[in-house]
N, C-alpha and C. Protein backbone atom coordinates (compact mmCIF):
# COMPACT_ATOMS: atom_id res chain seq x y z
N MET A 1 94.06 -59.36 -42.68
CA MET A 1 95.11 -59.41 -41.65
C MET A 1 94.52 -59.95 -40.35
N ALA A 2 95.19 -60.91 -39.77
CA ALA A 2 94.68 -61.53 -38.55
C ALA A 2 94.81 -60.58 -37.37
N SER A 3 93.83 -60.61 -36.50
CA SER A 3 93.86 -59.77 -35.30
C SER A 3 94.78 -60.38 -34.26
N ASP A 4 95.48 -59.49 -33.51
CA ASP A 4 96.34 -59.95 -32.43
C ASP A 4 95.57 -60.14 -31.14
N THR A 5 94.30 -59.75 -31.13
CA THR A 5 93.49 -59.88 -29.93
C THR A 5 93.01 -61.32 -29.77
N PRO A 6 93.36 -61.97 -28.67
CA PRO A 6 92.95 -63.38 -28.51
C PRO A 6 91.45 -63.49 -28.25
N THR A 7 90.88 -64.60 -28.68
CA THR A 7 89.49 -64.88 -28.39
C THR A 7 89.38 -65.45 -26.98
N ILE A 8 88.46 -64.88 -26.19
CA ILE A 8 88.31 -65.30 -24.80
C ILE A 8 87.17 -66.30 -24.69
N ASP A 9 87.47 -67.46 -24.16
CA ASP A 9 86.47 -68.47 -23.87
C ASP A 9 86.00 -68.22 -22.44
N SER A 10 84.86 -67.52 -22.28
CA SER A 10 84.43 -67.10 -20.94
C SER A 10 84.11 -68.28 -20.04
N ASP A 11 83.57 -69.37 -20.61
CA ASP A 11 83.26 -70.54 -19.79
C ASP A 11 84.53 -71.18 -19.25
N ALA A 12 85.53 -71.31 -20.10
CA ALA A 12 86.80 -71.90 -19.67
C ALA A 12 87.49 -71.00 -18.66
N LEU A 13 87.40 -69.68 -18.87
CA LEU A 13 88.01 -68.74 -17.94
C LEU A 13 87.34 -68.83 -16.57
N ASN A 14 86.01 -68.90 -16.57
CA ASN A 14 85.29 -69.00 -15.31
C ASN A 14 85.63 -70.30 -14.58
N ALA A 15 85.71 -71.40 -15.33
CA ALA A 15 86.06 -72.68 -14.73
C ALA A 15 87.46 -72.65 -14.13
N TYR A 16 88.38 -71.96 -14.80
CA TYR A 16 89.75 -71.85 -14.29
C TYR A 16 89.77 -71.07 -12.98
N VAL A 17 89.05 -69.94 -12.95
CA VAL A 17 89.00 -69.10 -11.75
C VAL A 17 88.36 -69.86 -10.59
N GLU A 18 87.22 -70.49 -10.86
CA GLU A 18 86.51 -71.19 -9.79
C GLU A 18 87.27 -72.43 -9.31
N GLY A 19 88.08 -73.02 -10.17
CA GLY A 19 88.84 -74.20 -9.78
C GLY A 19 90.24 -73.91 -9.30
N TYR A 20 90.58 -72.64 -9.17
CA TYR A 20 91.94 -72.26 -8.77
C TYR A 20 92.31 -72.83 -7.40
N LEU A 21 91.36 -72.82 -6.48
CA LEU A 21 91.56 -73.42 -5.16
C LEU A 21 90.60 -74.59 -5.00
N SER A 22 91.10 -75.70 -4.50
CA SER A 22 90.25 -76.87 -4.33
C SER A 22 89.57 -76.86 -2.96
N GLU A 23 88.50 -77.63 -2.83
CA GLU A 23 87.77 -77.72 -1.58
C GLU A 23 88.01 -79.08 -0.93
N ASP A 24 88.04 -79.10 0.40
CA ASP A 24 88.29 -80.33 1.13
C ASP A 24 86.98 -81.08 1.40
N ASP A 25 87.08 -82.18 2.15
CA ASP A 25 85.92 -83.02 2.40
C ASP A 25 84.82 -82.29 3.17
N ALA A 26 85.20 -81.43 4.09
CA ALA A 26 84.18 -80.71 4.88
C ALA A 26 83.34 -79.82 3.98
N LEU A 27 83.96 -79.15 3.03
CA LEU A 27 83.23 -78.28 2.12
C LEU A 27 82.41 -79.06 1.10
N THR A 28 83.00 -80.13 0.55
CA THR A 28 82.24 -80.91 -0.42
C THR A 28 81.05 -81.59 0.25
N GLY A 29 81.23 -82.01 1.49
CA GLY A 29 80.11 -82.59 2.23
C GLY A 29 79.02 -81.57 2.48
N ALA A 30 79.42 -80.35 2.82
CA ALA A 30 78.45 -79.28 3.03
C ALA A 30 77.70 -78.96 1.74
N ARG A 31 78.40 -78.95 0.63
CA ARG A 31 77.74 -78.69 -0.65
C ARG A 31 76.71 -79.78 -0.96
N ALA A 32 77.06 -81.02 -0.69
CA ALA A 32 76.13 -82.13 -0.94
C ALA A 32 74.88 -81.99 -0.08
N ARG A 33 75.06 -81.60 1.18
CA ARG A 33 73.89 -81.38 2.04
C ARG A 33 73.07 -80.19 1.55
N GLY A 34 73.74 -79.19 1.00
CA GLY A 34 73.03 -78.04 0.45
C GLY A 34 72.14 -78.43 -0.71
N VAL A 35 72.64 -79.32 -1.57
CA VAL A 35 71.83 -79.80 -2.70
C VAL A 35 70.58 -80.51 -2.18
N GLU A 36 70.75 -81.34 -1.16
CA GLU A 36 69.62 -82.06 -0.59
C GLU A 36 68.57 -81.11 -0.01
N LEU A 37 69.02 -79.99 0.54
CA LEU A 37 68.12 -79.03 1.17
C LEU A 37 67.58 -77.99 0.19
N GLY A 38 68.09 -78.01 -1.04
CA GLY A 38 67.67 -77.02 -2.02
C GLY A 38 68.37 -75.69 -1.87
N CYS A 39 69.51 -75.67 -1.20
CA CYS A 39 70.30 -74.44 -1.04
C CYS A 39 71.18 -74.22 -2.27
N SER A 40 71.59 -73.00 -2.47
CA SER A 40 72.54 -72.66 -3.53
C SER A 40 73.74 -71.98 -2.88
N PRO A 41 74.74 -72.76 -2.42
CA PRO A 41 75.86 -72.18 -1.70
C PRO A 41 76.71 -71.27 -2.59
N ILE A 42 77.47 -70.42 -1.95
CA ILE A 42 78.41 -69.56 -2.66
C ILE A 42 79.39 -70.43 -3.46
N SER A 43 79.86 -69.91 -4.58
CA SER A 43 80.80 -70.66 -5.41
C SER A 43 82.14 -70.81 -4.69
N CYS A 44 82.98 -71.68 -5.22
CA CYS A 44 84.31 -71.88 -4.65
C CYS A 44 85.12 -70.59 -4.69
N GLY A 45 85.06 -69.88 -5.81
CA GLY A 45 85.79 -68.62 -5.92
C GLY A 45 85.26 -67.56 -4.97
N GLY A 46 83.94 -67.49 -4.85
CA GLY A 46 83.34 -66.54 -3.92
C GLY A 46 83.69 -66.88 -2.48
N GLY A 47 83.67 -68.18 -2.16
CA GLY A 47 84.04 -68.59 -0.81
C GLY A 47 85.48 -68.23 -0.49
N ALA A 48 86.37 -68.43 -1.45
CA ALA A 48 87.77 -68.05 -1.25
C ALA A 48 87.89 -66.55 -0.99
N ALA A 49 87.07 -65.76 -1.68
CA ALA A 49 87.09 -64.32 -1.45
C ALA A 49 86.63 -63.98 -0.03
N LEU A 50 85.61 -64.69 0.46
CA LEU A 50 85.16 -64.45 1.84
C LEU A 50 86.26 -64.77 2.84
N ARG A 51 86.93 -65.90 2.64
CA ARG A 51 88.02 -66.25 3.56
C ARG A 51 89.13 -65.22 3.49
N PHE A 52 89.44 -64.75 2.30
CA PHE A 52 90.46 -63.72 2.13
C PHE A 52 90.07 -62.45 2.90
N LEU A 53 88.81 -62.03 2.74
CA LEU A 53 88.35 -60.81 3.43
C LEU A 53 88.42 -60.97 4.94
N ALA A 54 87.94 -62.11 5.45
CA ALA A 54 87.96 -62.32 6.89
C ALA A 54 89.39 -62.34 7.43
N THR A 55 90.31 -62.91 6.65
CA THR A 55 91.71 -62.95 7.06
C THR A 55 92.32 -61.56 7.05
N THR A 56 92.06 -60.81 5.99
CA THR A 56 92.61 -59.46 5.86
C THR A 56 92.12 -58.55 6.98
N LEU A 57 90.85 -58.69 7.33
CA LEU A 57 90.25 -57.87 8.38
C LEU A 57 90.61 -58.35 9.78
N ARG A 58 91.22 -59.54 9.87
CA ARG A 58 91.45 -60.17 11.17
C ARG A 58 90.14 -60.21 11.94
N ALA A 59 89.12 -60.64 11.25
CA ALA A 59 87.74 -60.52 11.75
C ALA A 59 87.51 -61.36 13.00
N ARG A 60 86.90 -60.72 13.99
CA ARG A 60 86.52 -61.40 15.22
C ARG A 60 85.01 -61.48 15.36
N ALA A 61 84.29 -60.63 14.64
CA ALA A 61 82.83 -60.61 14.72
C ALA A 61 82.27 -60.47 13.31
N VAL A 62 81.57 -61.50 12.86
CA VAL A 62 81.03 -61.54 11.50
C VAL A 62 79.55 -61.91 11.57
N VAL A 63 78.74 -61.25 10.73
CA VAL A 63 77.33 -61.59 10.60
C VAL A 63 77.10 -62.17 9.21
N GLU A 64 76.36 -63.26 9.17
CA GLU A 64 76.00 -63.91 7.91
C GLU A 64 74.48 -63.99 7.82
N ILE A 65 73.93 -63.51 6.71
CA ILE A 65 72.49 -63.62 6.45
C ILE A 65 72.30 -64.75 5.44
N GLY A 66 71.70 -65.84 5.88
CA GLY A 66 71.54 -67.03 5.04
C GLY A 66 72.56 -68.09 5.41
N THR A 67 72.24 -68.91 6.40
CA THR A 67 73.18 -69.94 6.88
C THR A 67 73.38 -71.03 5.84
N GLY A 68 72.30 -71.43 5.16
CA GLY A 68 72.39 -72.53 4.22
C GLY A 68 72.91 -73.79 4.90
N SER A 69 73.75 -74.52 4.21
CA SER A 69 74.31 -75.75 4.78
C SER A 69 75.68 -75.52 5.40
N GLY A 70 76.09 -74.25 5.49
CA GLY A 70 77.34 -73.93 6.17
C GLY A 70 78.55 -73.74 5.29
N VAL A 71 78.37 -73.72 3.97
CA VAL A 71 79.52 -73.55 3.07
C VAL A 71 80.17 -72.19 3.27
N SER A 72 79.40 -71.12 3.13
CA SER A 72 79.96 -69.78 3.29
C SER A 72 80.43 -69.56 4.72
N GLY A 73 79.68 -70.09 5.70
CA GLY A 73 80.09 -69.93 7.08
C GLY A 73 81.43 -70.57 7.37
N LEU A 74 81.68 -71.74 6.77
CA LEU A 74 82.96 -72.41 6.97
C LEU A 74 84.10 -71.60 6.35
N TYR A 75 83.88 -71.06 5.17
CA TYR A 75 84.91 -70.20 4.57
C TYR A 75 85.20 -69.01 5.49
N LEU A 76 84.16 -68.41 6.03
CA LEU A 76 84.35 -67.26 6.92
C LEU A 76 85.10 -67.65 8.18
N LEU A 77 84.69 -68.74 8.82
CA LEU A 77 85.35 -69.18 10.05
C LEU A 77 86.82 -69.48 9.82
N ARG A 78 87.15 -70.04 8.66
CA ARG A 78 88.55 -70.37 8.39
C ARG A 78 89.41 -69.13 8.18
N GLY A 79 88.79 -68.00 7.89
CA GLY A 79 89.55 -66.78 7.75
C GLY A 79 89.58 -65.92 9.00
N MET A 80 88.65 -66.16 9.92
CA MET A 80 88.52 -65.32 11.10
C MET A 80 89.61 -65.60 12.13
N ALA A 81 89.75 -64.66 13.06
CA ALA A 81 90.68 -64.84 14.18
C ALA A 81 90.28 -66.07 14.99
N PRO A 82 91.24 -66.71 15.68
CA PRO A 82 90.93 -67.94 16.42
C PRO A 82 89.84 -67.78 17.48
N ASP A 83 89.66 -66.57 17.99
CA ASP A 83 88.61 -66.34 18.99
C ASP A 83 87.38 -65.67 18.39
N GLY A 84 87.33 -65.61 17.07
CA GLY A 84 86.20 -64.93 16.41
C GLY A 84 84.92 -65.74 16.50
N VAL A 85 83.79 -65.02 16.44
CA VAL A 85 82.47 -65.65 16.51
C VAL A 85 81.66 -65.24 15.28
N LEU A 86 81.10 -66.24 14.61
CA LEU A 86 80.23 -66.03 13.46
C LEU A 86 78.78 -66.05 13.93
N THR A 87 78.05 -64.99 13.64
CA THR A 87 76.62 -64.94 13.90
C THR A 87 75.90 -65.17 12.58
N SER A 88 75.16 -66.28 12.48
CA SER A 88 74.53 -66.65 11.22
C SER A 88 73.02 -66.75 11.40
N ILE A 89 72.28 -66.11 10.49
CA ILE A 89 70.83 -65.97 10.61
C ILE A 89 70.15 -66.71 9.46
N ASP A 90 69.13 -67.51 9.79
CA ASP A 90 68.39 -68.24 8.76
C ASP A 90 66.99 -68.56 9.30
N VAL A 91 66.03 -68.63 8.40
CA VAL A 91 64.66 -68.93 8.81
C VAL A 91 64.37 -70.42 8.87
N GLU A 92 65.28 -71.25 8.33
CA GLU A 92 65.03 -72.68 8.23
C GLU A 92 65.86 -73.45 9.27
N PRO A 93 65.21 -74.15 10.21
CA PRO A 93 65.97 -74.93 11.20
C PRO A 93 66.80 -76.04 10.56
N GLU A 94 66.31 -76.62 9.45
CA GLU A 94 67.07 -77.68 8.79
C GLU A 94 68.41 -77.17 8.28
N HIS A 95 68.42 -75.93 7.81
CA HIS A 95 69.67 -75.34 7.34
C HIS A 95 70.67 -75.23 8.49
N GLN A 96 70.20 -74.76 9.63
CA GLN A 96 71.13 -74.55 10.73
C GLN A 96 71.62 -75.87 11.32
N ARG A 97 70.79 -76.89 11.29
CA ARG A 97 71.27 -78.21 11.72
C ARG A 97 72.38 -78.71 10.79
N ALA A 98 72.18 -78.51 9.49
CA ALA A 98 73.21 -78.92 8.52
C ALA A 98 74.49 -78.13 8.73
N ALA A 99 74.37 -76.83 9.00
CA ALA A 99 75.55 -75.99 9.20
C ALA A 99 76.31 -76.41 10.46
N LYS A 100 75.60 -76.76 11.52
CA LYS A 100 76.26 -77.23 12.73
C LYS A 100 77.12 -78.45 12.43
N ARG A 101 76.59 -79.35 11.62
CA ARG A 101 77.35 -80.55 11.25
C ARG A 101 78.58 -80.16 10.43
N THR A 102 78.40 -79.21 9.50
CA THR A 102 79.53 -78.75 8.69
C THR A 102 80.64 -78.18 9.56
N PHE A 103 80.29 -77.32 10.50
CA PHE A 103 81.30 -76.69 11.35
C PHE A 103 81.99 -77.73 12.24
N ALA A 104 81.20 -78.67 12.77
CA ALA A 104 81.78 -79.71 13.62
C ALA A 104 82.72 -80.60 12.82
N ASP A 105 82.33 -80.98 11.59
CA ASP A 105 83.18 -81.81 10.74
C ASP A 105 84.51 -81.14 10.45
N ALA A 106 84.50 -79.81 10.41
CA ALA A 106 85.72 -79.06 10.12
C ALA A 106 86.53 -78.74 11.38
N GLY A 107 86.04 -79.17 12.55
CA GLY A 107 86.80 -79.01 13.78
C GLY A 107 86.50 -77.75 14.57
N PHE A 108 85.42 -77.05 14.23
CA PHE A 108 85.07 -75.83 14.96
C PHE A 108 84.08 -76.18 16.09
N GLY A 109 84.39 -75.72 17.28
CA GLY A 109 83.53 -75.98 18.42
C GLY A 109 82.26 -75.14 18.36
N PRO A 110 81.25 -75.51 19.15
CA PRO A 110 79.97 -74.80 19.11
C PRO A 110 80.07 -73.33 19.52
N GLY A 111 81.09 -72.96 20.28
CA GLY A 111 81.24 -71.58 20.69
C GLY A 111 81.68 -70.63 19.59
N ARG A 112 82.09 -71.18 18.45
CA ARG A 112 82.57 -70.32 17.36
C ARG A 112 81.45 -69.80 16.47
N ALA A 113 80.26 -70.37 16.58
CA ALA A 113 79.15 -69.94 15.72
C ALA A 113 77.89 -69.77 16.56
N ARG A 114 77.28 -68.61 16.42
CA ARG A 114 75.99 -68.32 17.07
C ARG A 114 74.93 -68.34 15.99
N LEU A 115 74.10 -69.38 15.99
CA LEU A 115 73.09 -69.56 14.96
C LEU A 115 71.75 -69.04 15.47
N ILE A 116 71.19 -68.08 14.75
CA ILE A 116 69.93 -67.45 15.15
C ILE A 116 68.87 -67.77 14.10
N MET A 117 67.76 -68.35 14.53
CA MET A 117 66.68 -68.66 13.61
C MET A 117 65.69 -67.51 13.59
N GLY A 118 65.39 -67.01 12.38
CA GLY A 118 64.45 -65.91 12.25
C GLY A 118 64.72 -65.13 10.99
N ARG A 119 63.85 -64.14 10.72
CA ARG A 119 64.04 -63.25 9.57
C ARG A 119 65.15 -62.27 9.87
N ALA A 120 66.03 -62.08 8.92
CA ALA A 120 67.17 -61.19 9.15
C ALA A 120 66.73 -59.78 9.50
N LEU A 121 65.66 -59.30 8.87
CA LEU A 121 65.22 -57.92 9.14
C LEU A 121 64.62 -57.77 10.53
N ASP A 122 64.28 -58.88 11.17
CA ASP A 122 63.85 -58.84 12.57
C ASP A 122 65.03 -58.94 13.53
N VAL A 123 66.06 -59.66 13.10
CA VAL A 123 67.22 -59.91 13.97
C VAL A 123 68.23 -58.76 13.92
N LEU A 124 68.53 -58.25 12.73
CA LEU A 124 69.60 -57.26 12.57
C LEU A 124 69.43 -56.03 13.45
N PRO A 125 68.21 -55.48 13.60
CA PRO A 125 68.08 -54.28 14.45
C PRO A 125 68.48 -54.51 15.90
N ARG A 126 68.55 -55.76 16.33
CA ARG A 126 68.92 -56.06 17.72
C ARG A 126 70.44 -56.19 17.90
N LEU A 127 71.19 -56.15 16.81
CA LEU A 127 72.64 -56.28 16.89
C LEU A 127 73.30 -54.92 17.11
N THR A 128 74.51 -54.95 17.63
CA THR A 128 75.19 -53.74 18.10
C THR A 128 75.71 -52.86 16.97
N ASP A 129 75.46 -51.57 17.06
CA ASP A 129 75.99 -50.60 16.10
C ASP A 129 77.52 -50.68 16.05
N GLU A 130 78.07 -50.70 14.84
CA GLU A 130 79.52 -50.70 14.61
C GLU A 130 80.23 -51.80 15.40
N GLY A 131 79.53 -52.94 15.60
CA GLY A 131 80.11 -54.02 16.38
C GLY A 131 80.69 -55.15 15.56
N TYR A 132 80.72 -55.01 14.22
CA TYR A 132 81.09 -56.15 13.37
C TYR A 132 82.12 -55.75 12.32
N ASP A 133 82.95 -56.73 11.99
CA ASP A 133 84.01 -56.53 11.00
C ASP A 133 83.52 -56.80 9.58
N LEU A 134 82.54 -57.69 9.44
CA LEU A 134 82.11 -58.15 8.12
C LEU A 134 80.66 -58.59 8.18
N LEU A 135 79.90 -58.20 7.18
CA LEU A 135 78.53 -58.69 7.01
C LEU A 135 78.43 -59.31 5.64
N TYR A 136 78.07 -60.60 5.60
CA TYR A 136 77.89 -61.32 4.34
C TYR A 136 76.41 -61.61 4.14
N VAL A 137 75.91 -61.30 2.95
CA VAL A 137 74.48 -61.41 2.65
C VAL A 137 74.24 -62.41 1.53
N ASP A 138 73.45 -63.44 1.84
CA ASP A 138 72.96 -64.37 0.82
C ASP A 138 71.56 -64.81 1.24
N GLY A 139 70.69 -63.83 1.40
CA GLY A 139 69.32 -64.09 1.85
C GLY A 139 68.31 -63.74 0.78
N ALA A 140 67.14 -63.31 1.23
CA ALA A 140 66.06 -62.95 0.30
C ALA A 140 66.47 -61.76 -0.56
N LYS A 141 66.51 -61.96 -1.87
CA LYS A 141 67.02 -60.92 -2.76
C LYS A 141 66.19 -59.64 -2.70
N ALA A 142 64.89 -59.76 -2.51
CA ALA A 142 64.04 -58.57 -2.45
C ALA A 142 64.37 -57.69 -1.24
N GLU A 143 65.04 -58.26 -0.24
CA GLU A 143 65.38 -57.51 0.97
C GLU A 143 66.80 -56.94 0.94
N TYR A 144 67.53 -57.17 -0.13
CA TYR A 144 68.92 -56.68 -0.20
C TYR A 144 69.05 -55.18 0.05
N PRO A 145 68.17 -54.32 -0.50
CA PRO A 145 68.32 -52.89 -0.22
C PRO A 145 68.24 -52.56 1.27
N ALA A 146 67.39 -53.26 2.01
CA ALA A 146 67.29 -53.03 3.46
C ALA A 146 68.54 -53.54 4.17
N TYR A 147 69.13 -54.62 3.69
CA TYR A 147 70.36 -55.13 4.29
C TYR A 147 71.51 -54.13 4.12
N HIS A 148 71.49 -53.39 3.04
CA HIS A 148 72.52 -52.38 2.82
C HIS A 148 72.54 -51.37 3.96
N GLU A 149 71.40 -50.81 4.30
CA GLU A 149 71.34 -49.82 5.37
C GLU A 149 71.70 -50.43 6.72
N GLN A 150 71.20 -51.62 6.99
CA GLN A 150 71.54 -52.28 8.24
C GLN A 150 73.04 -52.57 8.31
N GLY A 151 73.62 -52.95 7.18
CA GLY A 151 75.03 -53.27 7.15
C GLY A 151 75.91 -52.08 7.48
N VAL A 152 75.60 -50.93 6.92
CA VAL A 152 76.39 -49.74 7.20
C VAL A 152 76.33 -49.41 8.69
N ARG A 153 75.18 -49.60 9.29
CA ARG A 153 75.03 -49.34 10.73
C ARG A 153 75.84 -50.32 11.57
N LEU A 154 75.84 -51.59 11.18
CA LEU A 154 76.47 -52.63 11.98
C LEU A 154 77.99 -52.66 11.87
N LEU A 155 78.52 -52.21 10.74
CA LEU A 155 79.96 -52.36 10.50
C LEU A 155 80.77 -51.30 11.23
N ARG A 156 81.90 -51.72 11.75
CA ARG A 156 82.88 -50.76 12.27
C ARG A 156 83.51 -50.02 11.10
N PRO A 157 84.12 -48.85 11.32
CA PRO A 157 84.87 -48.20 10.24
C PRO A 157 85.95 -49.14 9.71
N GLY A 158 86.01 -49.29 8.40
CA GLY A 158 86.94 -50.21 7.78
C GLY A 158 86.37 -51.60 7.58
N GLY A 159 85.17 -51.86 8.14
CA GLY A 159 84.52 -53.15 7.95
C GLY A 159 84.01 -53.31 6.53
N VAL A 160 83.60 -54.53 6.19
CA VAL A 160 83.25 -54.86 4.80
C VAL A 160 81.86 -55.47 4.73
N LEU A 161 81.10 -54.99 3.75
CA LEU A 161 79.77 -55.50 3.42
C LEU A 161 79.90 -56.32 2.14
N ALA A 162 79.35 -57.53 2.11
CA ALA A 162 79.47 -58.40 0.93
C ALA A 162 78.11 -58.99 0.57
N PHE A 163 77.70 -58.80 -0.69
CA PHE A 163 76.44 -59.34 -1.20
C PHE A 163 76.74 -60.40 -2.25
N ASP A 164 76.16 -61.59 -2.09
CA ASP A 164 76.34 -62.64 -3.08
C ASP A 164 75.19 -62.64 -4.09
N SER A 165 75.43 -63.23 -5.25
CA SER A 165 74.41 -63.45 -6.31
C SER A 165 73.84 -62.14 -6.86
N VAL A 166 74.67 -61.11 -6.94
CA VAL A 166 74.16 -59.81 -7.41
C VAL A 166 74.04 -59.73 -8.93
N LEU A 167 74.58 -60.69 -9.65
CA LEU A 167 74.39 -60.71 -11.11
C LEU A 167 73.17 -61.54 -11.49
N TRP A 168 72.75 -62.43 -10.61
CA TRP A 168 71.49 -63.17 -10.74
C TRP A 168 71.39 -63.86 -12.09
N ALA A 169 72.43 -64.66 -12.39
CA ALA A 169 72.49 -65.43 -13.64
C ALA A 169 72.34 -64.54 -14.88
N GLY A 170 72.87 -63.32 -14.80
CA GLY A 170 72.84 -62.39 -15.93
C GLY A 170 71.58 -61.56 -16.04
N ARG A 171 70.59 -61.83 -15.19
CA ARG A 171 69.33 -61.10 -15.30
C ARG A 171 69.49 -59.62 -14.96
N VAL A 172 70.38 -59.31 -14.03
CA VAL A 172 70.56 -57.91 -13.61
C VAL A 172 71.03 -57.04 -14.78
N ALA A 173 71.85 -57.63 -15.65
CA ALA A 173 72.37 -56.87 -16.79
C ALA A 173 71.40 -56.78 -17.94
N ASN A 174 70.26 -57.44 -17.85
CA ASN A 174 69.25 -57.43 -18.92
C ASN A 174 68.13 -56.47 -18.56
N PRO A 175 68.06 -55.29 -19.19
CA PRO A 175 67.05 -54.30 -18.80
C PRO A 175 65.62 -54.77 -19.00
N ALA A 176 65.42 -55.82 -19.77
CA ALA A 176 64.07 -56.33 -19.98
C ALA A 176 63.54 -57.09 -18.78
N ARG A 177 64.46 -57.52 -17.89
CA ARG A 177 64.02 -58.26 -16.71
C ARG A 177 63.58 -57.28 -15.63
N ARG A 178 62.30 -57.36 -15.24
CA ARG A 178 61.73 -56.41 -14.29
C ARG A 178 61.05 -57.10 -13.11
N ASP A 179 61.38 -58.36 -12.84
CA ASP A 179 60.80 -59.03 -11.69
C ASP A 179 61.35 -58.40 -10.40
N ALA A 180 60.66 -58.62 -9.30
CA ALA A 180 60.96 -57.94 -8.04
C ALA A 180 62.39 -58.20 -7.56
N GLU A 181 62.86 -59.45 -7.68
CA GLU A 181 64.20 -59.77 -7.19
C GLU A 181 65.27 -59.08 -8.02
N THR A 182 65.11 -59.10 -9.33
CA THR A 182 66.10 -58.46 -10.20
C THR A 182 66.14 -56.96 -9.97
N VAL A 183 64.97 -56.35 -9.84
CA VAL A 183 64.90 -54.90 -9.58
C VAL A 183 65.58 -54.57 -8.25
N ALA A 184 65.36 -55.39 -7.23
CA ALA A 184 65.97 -55.15 -5.92
C ALA A 184 67.49 -55.25 -6.00
N LEU A 185 68.00 -56.20 -6.78
CA LEU A 185 69.44 -56.34 -6.93
C LEU A 185 70.04 -55.15 -7.67
N ARG A 186 69.35 -54.66 -8.69
CA ARG A 186 69.83 -53.45 -9.36
C ARG A 186 69.84 -52.27 -8.39
N GLU A 187 68.80 -52.20 -7.57
CA GLU A 187 68.68 -51.10 -6.62
C GLU A 187 69.82 -51.11 -5.61
N VAL A 188 70.14 -52.28 -5.05
CA VAL A 188 71.21 -52.32 -4.06
C VAL A 188 72.56 -52.05 -4.71
N ALA A 189 72.76 -52.50 -5.94
CA ALA A 189 74.02 -52.22 -6.63
C ALA A 189 74.21 -50.71 -6.81
N ARG A 190 73.13 -50.02 -7.20
CA ARG A 190 73.21 -48.56 -7.36
C ARG A 190 73.41 -47.87 -6.01
N ALA A 191 72.69 -48.32 -5.00
CA ALA A 191 72.76 -47.69 -3.70
C ALA A 191 74.15 -47.82 -3.09
N VAL A 192 74.75 -48.99 -3.20
CA VAL A 192 76.10 -49.20 -2.67
C VAL A 192 77.10 -48.37 -3.45
N ARG A 193 76.96 -48.34 -4.77
CA ARG A 193 77.87 -47.56 -5.61
C ARG A 193 77.81 -46.07 -5.27
N ASP A 194 76.61 -45.56 -4.96
CA ASP A 194 76.43 -44.13 -4.76
C ASP A 194 76.54 -43.71 -3.29
N ASP A 195 76.82 -44.65 -2.40
CA ASP A 195 76.89 -44.37 -0.98
C ASP A 195 78.28 -43.85 -0.62
N ASP A 196 78.36 -42.59 -0.21
CA ASP A 196 79.65 -41.98 0.11
C ASP A 196 80.31 -42.62 1.33
N ARG A 197 79.57 -43.41 2.06
CA ARG A 197 80.14 -44.07 3.25
C ARG A 197 80.87 -45.36 2.88
N LEU A 198 80.78 -45.77 1.62
CA LEU A 198 81.32 -47.05 1.19
C LEU A 198 82.25 -46.91 0.00
N VAL A 199 83.21 -47.83 -0.10
CA VAL A 199 84.09 -47.95 -1.27
C VAL A 199 83.83 -49.33 -1.87
N PRO A 200 83.11 -49.39 -3.00
CA PRO A 200 82.65 -50.69 -3.52
C PRO A 200 83.49 -51.24 -4.68
N VAL A 201 83.33 -52.55 -4.90
CA VAL A 201 83.84 -53.20 -6.10
C VAL A 201 82.92 -54.38 -6.40
N LEU A 202 82.66 -54.61 -7.69
CA LEU A 202 81.82 -55.71 -8.13
C LEU A 202 82.72 -56.77 -8.77
N LEU A 203 82.71 -57.97 -8.20
CA LEU A 203 83.59 -59.05 -8.66
C LEU A 203 82.78 -60.11 -9.39
N PRO A 204 83.23 -60.54 -10.57
CA PRO A 204 82.51 -61.57 -11.34
C PRO A 204 82.85 -62.98 -10.87
N LEU A 205 82.70 -63.23 -9.58
CA LEU A 205 82.94 -64.55 -9.02
C LEU A 205 81.61 -65.24 -8.80
N GLY A 206 81.50 -66.50 -9.21
CA GLY A 206 80.23 -67.20 -9.07
C GLY A 206 79.13 -66.45 -9.78
N ASP A 207 78.09 -66.11 -9.03
CA ASP A 207 76.96 -65.37 -9.59
C ASP A 207 77.05 -63.88 -9.28
N GLY A 208 78.26 -63.42 -9.00
CA GLY A 208 78.49 -62.01 -8.73
C GLY A 208 78.62 -61.72 -7.26
N LEU A 209 79.72 -61.10 -6.85
CA LEU A 209 79.96 -60.76 -5.46
C LEU A 209 80.25 -59.26 -5.38
N LEU A 210 79.35 -58.52 -4.74
CA LEU A 210 79.50 -57.09 -4.55
C LEU A 210 80.05 -56.86 -3.14
N ILE A 211 81.23 -56.25 -3.04
CA ILE A 211 81.80 -55.97 -1.73
C ILE A 211 82.08 -54.48 -1.61
N ALA A 212 81.98 -53.98 -0.38
CA ALA A 212 82.19 -52.55 -0.13
C ALA A 212 82.75 -52.36 1.26
N ALA A 213 83.80 -51.56 1.36
CA ALA A 213 84.41 -51.25 2.65
C ALA A 213 83.80 -49.96 3.19
N LYS A 214 83.53 -49.95 4.49
CA LYS A 214 83.01 -48.74 5.13
C LYS A 214 84.15 -47.77 5.35
N VAL A 215 83.97 -46.55 4.92
CA VAL A 215 85.03 -45.53 5.02
C VAL A 215 85.37 -45.29 6.48
N PRO A 216 86.66 -45.35 6.84
CA PRO A 216 87.06 -45.10 8.23
C PRO A 216 86.73 -43.67 8.66
């Protein structure tokens, strides 16, 4: 007897989800610059989720760890309030130059983005407690657990913490993988899940997007 359960083509499903919203010239240009710089920007689906979050929060103050070529930053800016300011941290000056071009190509003036060059763990302690609506993380994976604690401190009640690439191409789900980055990603996933100050959800967008709202 034939089963009524349909066979799921996961690759086709993922392609459908990621292609649900198209990207304009500013985003495709930013992605091309990211390839040249060796960056791995957030997926189209993940970027759409960031814009959705920024819009829902009516975000005016956002912190981004990992500027890259400006793909994620542009998604965030497009969701933020018209007077909102994106603070983006990266150790590579070439990345921030590329991001400035991305934001300018999309029509955002220089006052909308504050680009800080340096290690996130050196910069974050200088930022204001509970002064931000959203913190997006796409930096050094081994430092993700430390970003979790900094994020809870920085977010206002009701603010959102978002970690990209938490599935790490499936390595996180494979218990045999014990490299430092994979272990750190498992650690932050557990820590966010078990943190009573946060309400989390893990989304299978791109390489995995873990988001958590700070309890009001």
